[in-house]
Amino acid sequence: NIQYIEDVRANAKGYEMLGSAYLAKA
């Protein structure tokens, strides 16, 4: 039940997705 995400930029990509969603909603 454990999954490892090995992409070193995964956190930045996630925040970019959140920011885009926020701006689209605004």
PDB file of all heavy atoms in Angstrom:
ATOM      1  N   ASN A   1       0.811  -1.223   0.000  1.00  0.00           N
ATOM      2  CA  ASN A   1       0.000   0.000   0.000  1.00  0.00           C
ATOM      3  C   ASN A   1       0.847   1.278   0.000  1.00  0.00           C
ATOM      4  O   ASN A   1       0.342   2.344   0.303  1.00  0.00           O
ATOM      5  CB  ASN A   1      -0.947   0.009   1.196  1.00  0.00           C
ATOM      6  CG  ASN A   1      -0.195   0.006   2.512  1.00  0.00           C
ATOM      7  OD1 ASN A   1       0.996  -0.216   2.538  1.00  0.00           O
ATOM      8  ND2 ASN A   1      -0.905   0.239   3.582  1.00  0.00           N
ATOM      9  N   ILE A   2       2.111   1.166  -0.344  1.00  0.00           N
ATOM     10  CA  ILE A   2       2.998   2.328  -0.350  1.00  0.00           C
ATOM     11  C   ILE A   2       3.415   2.621  -1.788  1.00  0.00           C
ATOM     12  O   ILE A   2       3.784   1.719  -2.533  1.00  0.00           O
ATOM     13  CB  ILE A   2       4.259   2.072   0.506  1.00  0.00           C
ATOM     14  CG1 ILE A   2       3.856   1.851   1.955  1.00  0.00           C
ATOM     15  CG2 ILE A   2       5.231   3.232   0.393  1.00  0.00           C
ATOM     16  CD1 ILE A   2       4.984   1.447   2.855  1.00  0.00           C
ATOM     17  N   GLN A   3       3.333   3.900  -2.148  1.00  0.00           N
ATOM     18  CA  GLN A   3       3.756   4.314  -3.480  1.00  0.00           C
ATOM     19  C   GLN A   3       4.781   5.427  -3.336  1.00  0.00           C
ATOM     20  O   GLN A   3       4.552   6.390  -2.609  1.00  0.00           O
ATOM     21  CB  GLN A   3       2.554   4.817  -4.270  1.00  0.00           C
ATOM     22  CG  GLN A   3       2.885   5.262  -5.658  1.00  0.00           C
ATOM     23  CD  GLN A   3       1.665   5.779  -6.394  1.00  0.00           C
ATOM     24  OE1 GLN A   3       0.617   5.986  -5.800  1.00  0.00           O
ATOM     25  NE2 GLN A   3       1.801   5.976  -7.672  1.00  0.00           N
ATOM     26  N   TYR A   4       5.898   5.309  -4.011  1.00  0.00           N
ATOM     27  CA  TYR A   4       6.950   6.313  -3.965  1.00  0.00           C
ATOM     28  C   TYR A   4       6.944   7.113  -5.256  1.00  0.00           C
ATOM     29  O   TYR A   4       6.961   6.540  -6.345  1.00  0.00           O
ATOM     30  CB  TYR A   4       8.321   5.661  -3.781  1.00  0.00           C
ATOM     31  CG  TYR A   4       8.467   4.962  -2.451  1.00  0.00           C
ATOM     32  CD1 TYR A   4       8.259   3.605  -2.328  1.00  0.00           C
ATOM     33  CD2 TYR A   4       8.801   5.683  -1.323  1.00  0.00           C
ATOM     34  CE1 TYR A   4       8.386   2.973  -1.107  1.00  0.00           C
ATOM     35  CE2 TYR A   4       8.931   5.065  -0.090  1.00  0.00           C
ATOM     36  CZ  TYR A   4       8.723   3.706   0.008  1.00  0.00           C
ATOM     37  OH  TYR A   4       8.841   3.090   1.216  1.00  0.00           O
ATOM     38  N   ILE A   5       6.935   8.418  -5.130  1.00  0.00           N
ATOM     39  CA  ILE A   5       7.034   9.301  -6.281  1.00  0.00           C
ATOM     40  C   ILE A   5       8.472   9.785  -6.322  1.00  0.00           C
ATOM     41  O   ILE A   5       8.922  10.492  -5.426  1.00  0.00           O
ATOM     42  CB  ILE A   5       6.040  10.475  -6.168  1.00  0.00           C
ATOM     43  CG1 ILE A   5       4.628   9.934  -6.068  1.00  0.00           C
ATOM     44  CG2 ILE A   5       6.202  11.423  -7.336  1.00  0.00           C
ATOM     45  CD1 ILE A   5       3.583  10.979  -5.762  1.00  0.00           C
ATOM     46  N   GLU A   6       9.179   9.403  -7.356  1.00  0.00           N
ATOM     47  CA  GLU A   6      10.610   9.683  -7.419  1.00  0.00           C
ATOM     48  C   GLU A   6      10.940  10.951  -8.190  1.00  0.00           C
ATOM     49  O   GLU A   6      12.113  11.289  -8.334  1.00  0.00           O
ATOM     50  CB  GLU A   6      11.328   8.486  -8.020  1.00  0.00           C
ATOM     51  CG  GLU A   6      11.205   7.253  -7.135  1.00  0.00           C
ATOM     52  CD  GLU A   6      11.954   6.064  -7.672  1.00  0.00           C
ATOM     53  OE1 GLU A   6      12.665   6.197  -8.683  1.00  0.00           O
ATOM     54  OE2 GLU A   6      11.823   4.992  -7.067  1.00  0.00           O
ATOM     55  N   ASP A   7       9.948  11.666  -8.665  1.00  0.00           N
ATOM     56  CA  ASP A   7      10.190  12.912  -9.385  1.00  0.00           C
ATOM     57  C   ASP A   7      10.578  13.983  -8.369  1.00  0.00           C
ATOM     58  O   ASP A   7       9.818  14.297  -7.453  1.00  0.00           O
ATOM     59  CB  ASP A   7       8.924  13.327 -10.131  1.00  0.00           C
ATOM     60  CG  ASP A   7       9.101  14.556 -10.992  1.00  0.00           C
ATOM     61  OD1 ASP A   7      10.222  15.091 -11.061  1.00  0.00           O
ATOM     62  OD2 ASP A   7       8.111  14.985 -11.603  1.00  0.00           O
ATOM     63  N   VAL A   8      11.763  14.569  -8.537  1.00  0.00           N
ATOM     64  CA  VAL A   8      12.238  15.568  -7.585  1.00  0.00           C
ATOM     65  C   VAL A   8      11.445  16.868  -7.669  1.00  0.00           C
ATOM     66  O   VAL A   8      11.490  17.680  -6.755  1.00  0.00           O
ATOM     67  CB  VAL A   8      13.747  15.857  -7.751  1.00  0.00           C
ATOM     68  CG1 VAL A   8      14.571  14.626  -7.430  1.00  0.00           C
ATOM     69  CG2 VAL A   8      14.054  16.363  -9.138  1.00  0.00           C
ATOM     70  N   ARG A   9      10.718  17.076  -8.756  1.00  0.00           N
ATOM     71  CA  ARG A   9       9.923  18.295  -8.925  1.00  0.00           C
ATOM     72  C   ARG A   9       8.437  18.075  -8.659  1.00  0.00           C
ATOM     73  O   ARG A   9       7.612  18.922  -8.997  1.00  0.00           O
ATOM     74  CB  ARG A   9      10.094  18.825 -10.342  1.00  0.00           C
ATOM     75  CG  ARG A   9      11.506  19.279 -10.603  1.00  0.00           C
ATOM     76  CD  ARG A   9      11.636  19.880 -11.981  1.00  0.00           C
ATOM     77  NE  ARG A   9      12.916  19.464 -12.507  1.00  0.00           N
ATOM     78  CZ  ARG A   9      13.108  18.875 -13.674  1.00  0.00           C
ATOM     79  NH1 ARG A   9      12.110  18.671 -14.482  1.00  0.00           N
ATOM     80  NH2 ARG A   9      14.299  18.513 -14.047  1.00  0.00           N
ATOM     81  N   ALA A  10       8.078  16.964  -8.068  1.00  0.00           N
ATOM     82  CA  ALA A  10       6.669  16.626  -7.862  1.00  0.00           C
ATOM     83  C   ALA A  10       5.962  17.665  -6.986  1.00  0.00           C
ATOM     84  O   ALA A  10       4.818  18.039  -7.273  1.00  0.00           O
ATOM     85  CB  ALA A  10       6.538  15.240  -7.249  1.00  0.00           C
ATOM     86  N   ASN A  11       6.604  18.150  -5.944  1.00  0.00           N
ATOM     87  CA  ASN A  11       5.998  19.133  -5.055  1.00  0.00           C
ATOM     88  C   ASN A  11       5.725  20.436  -5.807  1.00  0.00           C
ATOM     89  O   ASN A  11       4.635  21.015  -5.697  1.00  0.00           O
ATOM     90  CB  ASN A  11       6.910  19.379  -3.860  1.00  0.00           C
ATOM     91  CG  ASN A  11       6.200  20.056  -2.727  1.00  0.00           C
ATOM     92  OD1 ASN A  11       5.004  19.879  -2.553  1.00  0.00           O
ATOM     93  ND2 ASN A  11       6.921  20.849  -1.968  1.00  0.00           N
ATOM     94  N   ALA A  12       6.683  20.884  -6.597  1.00  0.00           N
ATOM     95  CA  ALA A  12       6.509  22.118  -7.372  1.00  0.00           C
ATOM     96  C   ALA A  12       5.402  21.960  -8.402  1.00  0.00           C
ATOM     97  O   ALA A  12       4.591  22.870  -8.610  1.00  0.00           O
ATOM     98  CB  ALA A  12       7.818  22.486  -8.054  1.00  0.00           C
ATOM     99  N   LYS A  13       5.330  20.820  -9.042  1.00  0.00           N
ATOM    100  CA  LYS A  13       4.276  20.568 -10.033  1.00  0.00           C
ATOM    101  C   LYS A  13       2.900  20.587  -9.372  1.00  0.00           C
ATOM    102  O   LYS A  13       1.944  21.108  -9.933  1.00  0.00           O
ATOM    103  CB  LYS A  13       4.508  19.230 -10.718  1.00  0.00           C
ATOM    104  CG  LYS A  13       5.681  19.238 -11.663  1.00  0.00           C
ATOM    105  CD  LYS A  13       5.890  17.866 -12.258  1.00  0.00           C
ATOM    106  CE  LYS A  13       7.100  17.823 -13.157  1.00  0.00           C
ATOM    107  NZ  LYS A  13       7.317  16.485 -13.730  1.00  0.00           N
ATOM    108  N   GLY A  14       2.809  20.027  -8.183  1.00  0.00           N
ATOM    109  CA  GLY A  14       1.538  20.019  -7.459  1.00  0.00           C
ATOM    110  C   GLY A  14       1.089  21.424  -7.104  1.00  0.00           C
ATOM    111  O   GLY A  14      -0.086  21.775  -7.268  1.00  0.00           O
ATOM    112  N   TYR A  15       2.012  22.240  -6.630  1.00  0.00           N
ATOM    113  CA  TYR A  15       1.658  23.624  -6.294  1.00  0.00           C
ATOM    114  C   TYR A  15       1.302  24.425  -7.539  1.00  0.00           C
ATOM    115  O   TYR A  15       0.436  25.296  -7.508  1.00  0.00           O
ATOM    116  CB  TYR A  15       2.783  24.303  -5.513  1.00  0.00           C
ATOM    117  CG  TYR A  15       2.679  24.027  -4.041  1.00  0.00           C
ATOM    118  CD1 TYR A  15       3.528  23.123  -3.424  1.00  0.00           C
ATOM    119  CD2 TYR A  15       1.713  24.649  -3.270  1.00  0.00           C
ATOM    120  CE1 TYR A  15       3.417  22.854  -2.071  1.00  0.00           C
ATOM    121  CE2 TYR A  15       1.598  24.397  -1.920  1.00  0.00           C
ATOM    122  CZ  TYR A  15       2.454  23.491  -1.330  1.00  0.00           C
ATOM    123  OH  TYR A  15       2.335  23.222   0.003  1.00  0.00           O
ATOM    124  N   GLU A  16       1.939  24.126  -8.650  1.00  0.00           N
ATOM    125  CA  GLU A  16       1.592  24.795  -9.903  1.00  0.00           C
ATOM    126  C   GLU A  16       0.165  24.434 -10.323  1.00  0.00           C
ATOM    127  O   GLU A  16      -0.597  25.294 -10.754  1.00  0.00           O
ATOM    128  CB  GLU A  16       2.577  24.398 -10.990  1.00  0.00           C
ATOM    129  CG  GLU A  16       2.348  25.126 -12.295  1.00  0.00           C
ATOM    130  CD  GLU A  16       3.379  24.770 -13.347  1.00  0.00           C
ATOM    131  OE1 GLU A  16       4.192  23.859 -13.128  1.00  0.00           O
ATOM    132  OE2 GLU A  16       3.355  25.426 -14.401  1.00  0.00           O
ATOM    133  N   MET A  17      -0.199  23.180 -10.156  1.00  0.00           N
ATOM    134  CA  MET A  17      -1.567  22.747 -10.480  1.00  0.00           C
ATOM    135  C   MET A  17      -2.579  23.433  -9.572  1.00  0.00           C
ATOM    136  O   MET A  17      -3.635  23.887 -10.031  1.00  0.00           O
ATOM    137  CB  MET A  17      -1.689  21.228 -10.350  1.00  0.00           C
ATOM    138  CG  MET A  17      -0.985  20.469 -11.432  1.00  0.00           C
ATOM    139  SD  MET A  17      -0.959  18.686 -11.168  1.00  0.00           S
ATOM    140  CE  MET A  17      -2.701  18.311 -11.086  1.00  0.00           C
ATOM    141  N   LEU A  18      -2.273  23.528  -8.286  1.00  0.00           N
ATOM    142  CA  LEU A  18      -3.176  24.208  -7.353  1.00  0.00           C
ATOM    143  C   LEU A  18      -3.331  25.687  -7.702  1.00  0.00           C
ATOM    144  O   LEU A  18      -4.437  26.232  -7.675  1.00  0.00           O
ATOM    145  CB  LEU A  18      -2.660  24.082  -5.918  1.00  0.00           C
ATOM    146  CG  LEU A  18      -2.867  22.750  -5.235  1.00  0.00           C
ATOM    147  CD1 LEU A  18      -2.145  22.742  -3.890  1.00  0.00           C
ATOM    148  CD2 LEU A  18      -4.342  22.476  -5.034  1.00  0.00           C
ATOM    149  N   GLY A  19      -2.227  26.333  -8.034  1.00  0.00           N
ATOM    150  CA  GLY A  19      -2.260  27.740  -8.409  1.00  0.00           C
ATOM    151  C   GLY A  19      -3.081  27.967  -9.666  1.00  0.00           C
ATOM    152  O   GLY A  19      -3.876  28.908  -9.754  1.00  0.00           O
ATOM    153  N   SER A  20      -2.919  27.105 -10.653  1.00  0.00           N
ATOM    154  CA  SER A  20      -3.690  27.221 -11.893  1.00  0.00           C
ATOM    155  C   SER A  20      -5.179  27.035 -11.632  1.00  0.00           C
ATOM    156  O   SER A  20      -6.010  27.763 -12.189  1.00  0.00           O
ATOM    157  CB  SER A  20      -3.216  26.181 -12.905  1.00  0.00           C
ATOM    158  OG  SER A  20      -1.890  26.429 -13.278  1.00  0.00           O
ATOM    159  N   ALA A  21      -5.517  26.077 -10.791  1.00  0.00           N
ATOM    160  CA  ALA A  21      -6.923  25.845 -10.466  1.00  0.00           C
ATOM    161  C   ALA A  21      -7.512  27.045  -9.724  1.00  0.00           C
ATOM    162  O   ALA A  21      -8.647  27.456  -9.985  1.00  0.00           O
ATOM    163  CB  ALA A  21      -7.067  24.581  -9.621  1.00  0.00           C
ATOM    164  N   TYR A  22      -6.744  27.619  -8.814  1.00  0.00           N
ATOM    165  CA  TYR A  22      -7.205  28.791  -8.067  1.00  0.00           C
ATOM    166  C   TYR A  22      -7.446  29.973  -8.995  1.00  0.00           C
ATOM    167  O   TYR A  22      -8.466  30.658  -8.909  1.00  0.00           O
ATOM    168  CB  TYR A  22      -6.176  29.158  -6.995  1.00  0.00           C
ATOM    169  CG  TYR A  22      -6.541  30.414  -6.247  1.00  0.00           C
ATOM    170  CD1 TYR A  22      -7.478  30.382  -5.230  1.00  0.00           C
ATOM    171  CD2 TYR A  22      -5.945  31.627  -6.574  1.00  0.00           C
ATOM    172  CE1 TYR A  22      -7.822  31.542  -4.546  1.00  0.00           C
ATOM    173  CE2 TYR A  22      -6.284  32.787  -5.905  1.00  0.00           C
ATOM    174  CZ  TYR A  22      -7.223  32.733  -4.890  1.00  0.00           C
ATOM    175  OH  TYR A  22      -7.563  33.884  -4.222  1.00  0.00           O
ATOM    176  N   LEU A  23      -6.500  30.215  -9.908  1.00  0.00           N
ATOM    177  CA  LEU A  23      -6.648  31.336 -10.835  1.00  0.00           C
ATOM    178  C   LEU A  23      -7.829  31.127 -11.789  1.00  0.00           C
ATOM    179  O   LEU A  23      -8.551  32.072 -12.103  1.00  0.00           O
ATOM    180  CB  LEU A  23      -5.360  31.536 -11.631  1.00  0.00           C
ATOM    181  CG  LEU A  23      -4.184  32.081 -10.821  1.00  0.00           C
ATOM    182  CD1 LEU A  23      -2.930  32.103 -11.679  1.00  0.00           C
ATOM    183  CD2 LEU A  23      -4.489  33.457 -10.280  1.00  0.00           C
ATOM    184  N   ALA A  24      -8.036  29.898 -12.233  1.00  0.00           N
ATOM    185  CA  ALA A  24      -9.160  29.615 -13.115  1.00  0.00           C
ATOM    186  C   ALA A  24     -10.479  29.872 -12.390  1.00  0.00           C
ATOM    187  O   ALA A  24     -11.418  30.442 -12.957  1.00  0.00           O
ATOM    188  CB  ALA A  24      -9.086  28.182 -13.602  1.00  0.00           C
ATOM    189  N   LYS A  25     -10.553  29.470 -11.144  1.00  0.00           N
ATOM    190  CA  LYS A  25     -11.779  29.699 -10.363  1.00  0.00           C
ATOM    191  C   LYS A  25     -12.002  31.186 -10.130  1.00  0.00           C
ATOM    192  O   LYS A  25     -13.121  31.670 -10.225  1.00  0.00           O
ATOM    193  CB  LYS A  25     -11.686  28.970  -9.020  1.00  0.00           C
ATOM    194  CG  LYS A  25     -12.963  28.989  -8.233  1.00  0.00           C
ATOM    195  CD  LYS A  25     -12.849  28.133  -6.992  1.00  0.00           C
ATOM    196  CE  LYS A  25     -14.142  28.132  -6.216  1.00  0.00           C
ATOM    197  NZ  LYS A  25     -14.075  27.275  -5.041  1.00  0.00           N
ATOM    198  N   ALA A  26     -10.933  31.922  -9.856  1.00  0.00           N
ATOM    199  CA  ALA A  26     -11.052  33.364  -9.657  1.00  0.00           C
ATOM    200  C   ALA A  26     -11.516  34.050 -10.943  1.00  0.00           C
ATOM    201  O   ALA A  26     -12.322  34.979 -10.884  1.00  0.00           O
ATOM    202  CB  ALA A  26      -9.701  33.938  -9.201  1.00  0.00           C
TER     203      ALA A  26
END
